[in-house]
Amino acid sequence: MPEVEDRLKPRDGLNNYSIAFARMQSQARGGAEFVFNVTDSMQPVSELCVLIQFRGQGLDQMMVEAHDSVIDILRQLIFRADKSRANYEKFTRRTNSNADEGLNEVEFL
């Protein structure tokens, strides 16, 4: 995995969002789907599902791999949101333009 600059240091207390393991479901072709609930003040917001292949590693190791996958997903979402924010920030520095030259959906993804 490439080295990532960690300027977005994790800390607690930013908001009331939480993520927790919810359930696991075996898959017919092997492995299992691990589902994590995302909540805001205990209200469901979303679910994240990851598929972990069984390679004889045992349930505890599969749980570790599922958490690692969710962390990678969240890091990717933060990376993309930060890039999008940076692009919009460039437009806020323009003082000589009154036209809305914001990014379209394709440009910021």
Protein backbone atom coordinates (compact mmCIF):
# COMPACT_ATOMS: atom_id res chain seq x y z
CA MET A 1 0.00 0.00 0.00
CA PRO A 2 1.38 3.45 -0.88
CA GLU A 3 2.45 5.78 1.90
CA VAL A 4 -0.24 8.40 2.54
CA GLU A 5 0.36 11.84 4.02
CA ASP A 6 -1.68 11.88 7.22
CA ARG A 7 -2.57 15.54 7.61
CA LEU A 8 -6.10 14.59 8.68
CA LYS A 9 -5.24 13.20 12.09
CA PRO A 10 -8.02 11.15 13.71
CA ARG A 11 -9.55 12.51 16.89
CA ASP A 12 -12.68 11.94 18.91
CA GLY A 13 -15.51 14.34 19.57
CA LEU A 14 -15.85 15.95 16.13
CA ASN A 15 -19.46 14.81 15.74
CA ASN A 16 -21.86 12.07 16.82
CA TYR A 17 -21.15 9.66 13.97
CA SER A 18 -20.21 6.12 14.82
CA ILE A 19 -19.45 2.91 12.94
CA ALA A 20 -19.78 -0.58 14.35
CA PHE A 21 -19.87 -4.16 13.18
CA ALA A 22 -23.48 -5.25 12.65
CA ARG A 23 -23.54 -8.73 11.14
CA MET A 24 -21.79 -11.31 9.02
CA GLN A 25 -23.37 -13.42 6.31
CA SER A 26 -21.68 -16.43 4.70
CA GLN A 27 -21.47 -16.35 0.93
CA ALA A 28 -22.32 -19.36 -1.24
CA ARG A 29 -19.03 -19.13 -3.16
CA GLY A 30 -16.94 -18.85 -0.01
CA GLY A 31 -16.00 -16.05 2.27
CA ALA A 32 -18.38 -13.82 4.13
CA GLU A 33 -19.97 -10.41 3.84
CA PHE A 34 -19.28 -8.22 6.85
CA VAL A 35 -21.76 -5.39 7.41
CA PHE A 36 -20.99 -2.28 9.45
CA ASN A 37 -23.64 0.23 10.55
CA VAL A 38 -22.94 3.95 10.33
CA THR A 39 -25.03 5.96 12.78
CA ASP A 40 -25.50 9.59 13.79
CA SER A 41 -26.56 9.91 17.43
CA MET A 42 -27.66 6.28 17.30
CA GLN A 43 -29.86 6.91 14.22
CA PRO A 44 -28.99 4.69 11.23
CA VAL A 45 -27.39 6.59 8.38
CA SER A 46 -25.80 3.96 6.19
CA GLU A 47 -24.24 0.53 5.96
CA LEU A 48 -20.84 -0.45 4.64
CA CYS A 49 -20.45 -4.01 3.39
CA VAL A 50 -17.16 -5.75 2.61
CA LEU A 51 -16.56 -9.22 1.27
CA ILE A 52 -13.73 -11.16 2.88
CA GLN A 53 -12.57 -14.38 1.27
CA PHE A 54 -11.97 -17.36 3.51
CA ARG A 55 -8.38 -18.58 3.24
CA GLY A 56 -8.22 -20.68 6.38
CA GLN A 57 -7.41 -17.63 8.53
CA GLY A 58 -10.21 -18.08 11.09
CA LEU A 59 -13.07 -15.81 12.06
CA ASP A 60 -11.02 -13.41 14.21
CA GLN A 61 -8.57 -12.75 11.36
CA MET A 62 -11.47 -12.31 8.91
CA MET A 63 -12.91 -9.71 11.32
CA VAL A 64 -9.52 -7.91 11.36
CA GLU A 65 -9.47 -7.94 7.54
CA ALA A 66 -13.05 -6.63 7.41
CA HIS A 67 -12.15 -3.72 9.71
CA ASP A 68 -9.03 -3.01 7.63
CA SER A 69 -11.19 -2.90 4.48
CA VAL A 70 -13.66 -0.49 6.09
CA ILE A 71 -10.79 1.75 7.23
CA ASP A 72 -9.41 1.76 3.67
CA ILE A 73 -12.86 2.69 2.32
CA LEU A 74 -13.17 5.55 4.80
CA ARG A 75 -9.66 6.80 4.02
CA GLN A 76 -10.52 6.80 0.30
CA LEU A 77 -13.73 8.75 0.96
CA ILE A 78 -11.80 11.30 3.03
CA PHE A 79 -9.17 11.59 0.29
CA ARG A 80 -11.80 12.25 -2.38
CA ALA A 81 -13.74 14.70 -0.23
CA ASP A 82 -10.50 16.57 0.55
CA LYS A 83 -9.58 16.74 -3.17
CA SER A 84 -13.06 17.99 -4.05
CA ARG A 85 -12.89 20.59 -1.28
CA ALA A 86 -9.49 21.78 -2.53
CA ASN A 87 -10.89 22.21 -6.04
CA TYR A 88 -13.80 24.29 -4.76
CA GLU A 89 -11.45 26.29 -2.56
CA LYS A 90 -9.57 27.39 -5.71
CA PHE A 91 -12.80 28.96 -6.96
CA THR A 92 -13.35 30.89 -3.74
CA ARG A 93 -10.00 32.65 -4.26
CA ARG A 94 -11.07 34.06 -7.61
CA THR A 95 -12.00 37.66 -7.06
CA ASN A 96 -12.29 38.84 -10.66
CA SER A 97 -15.05 36.46 -11.74
CA ASN A 98 -18.74 36.82 -10.93
CA ALA A 99 -19.85 33.86 -13.02
CA ASP A 100 -20.51 30.52 -11.34
CA GLU A 101 -17.69 28.43 -12.75
CA GLY A 102 -18.07 25.61 -10.24
CA LEU A 103 -17.07 22.06 -10.97
CA ASN A 104 -19.41 19.64 -12.56
CA GLU A 105 -19.95 16.09 -11.31
CA VAL A 106 -17.37 14.55 -13.63
CA GLU A 107 -14.61 17.01 -12.76
CA PHE A 108 -14.60 16.56 -9.00
CA LEU A 109 -14.96 12.78 -8.92
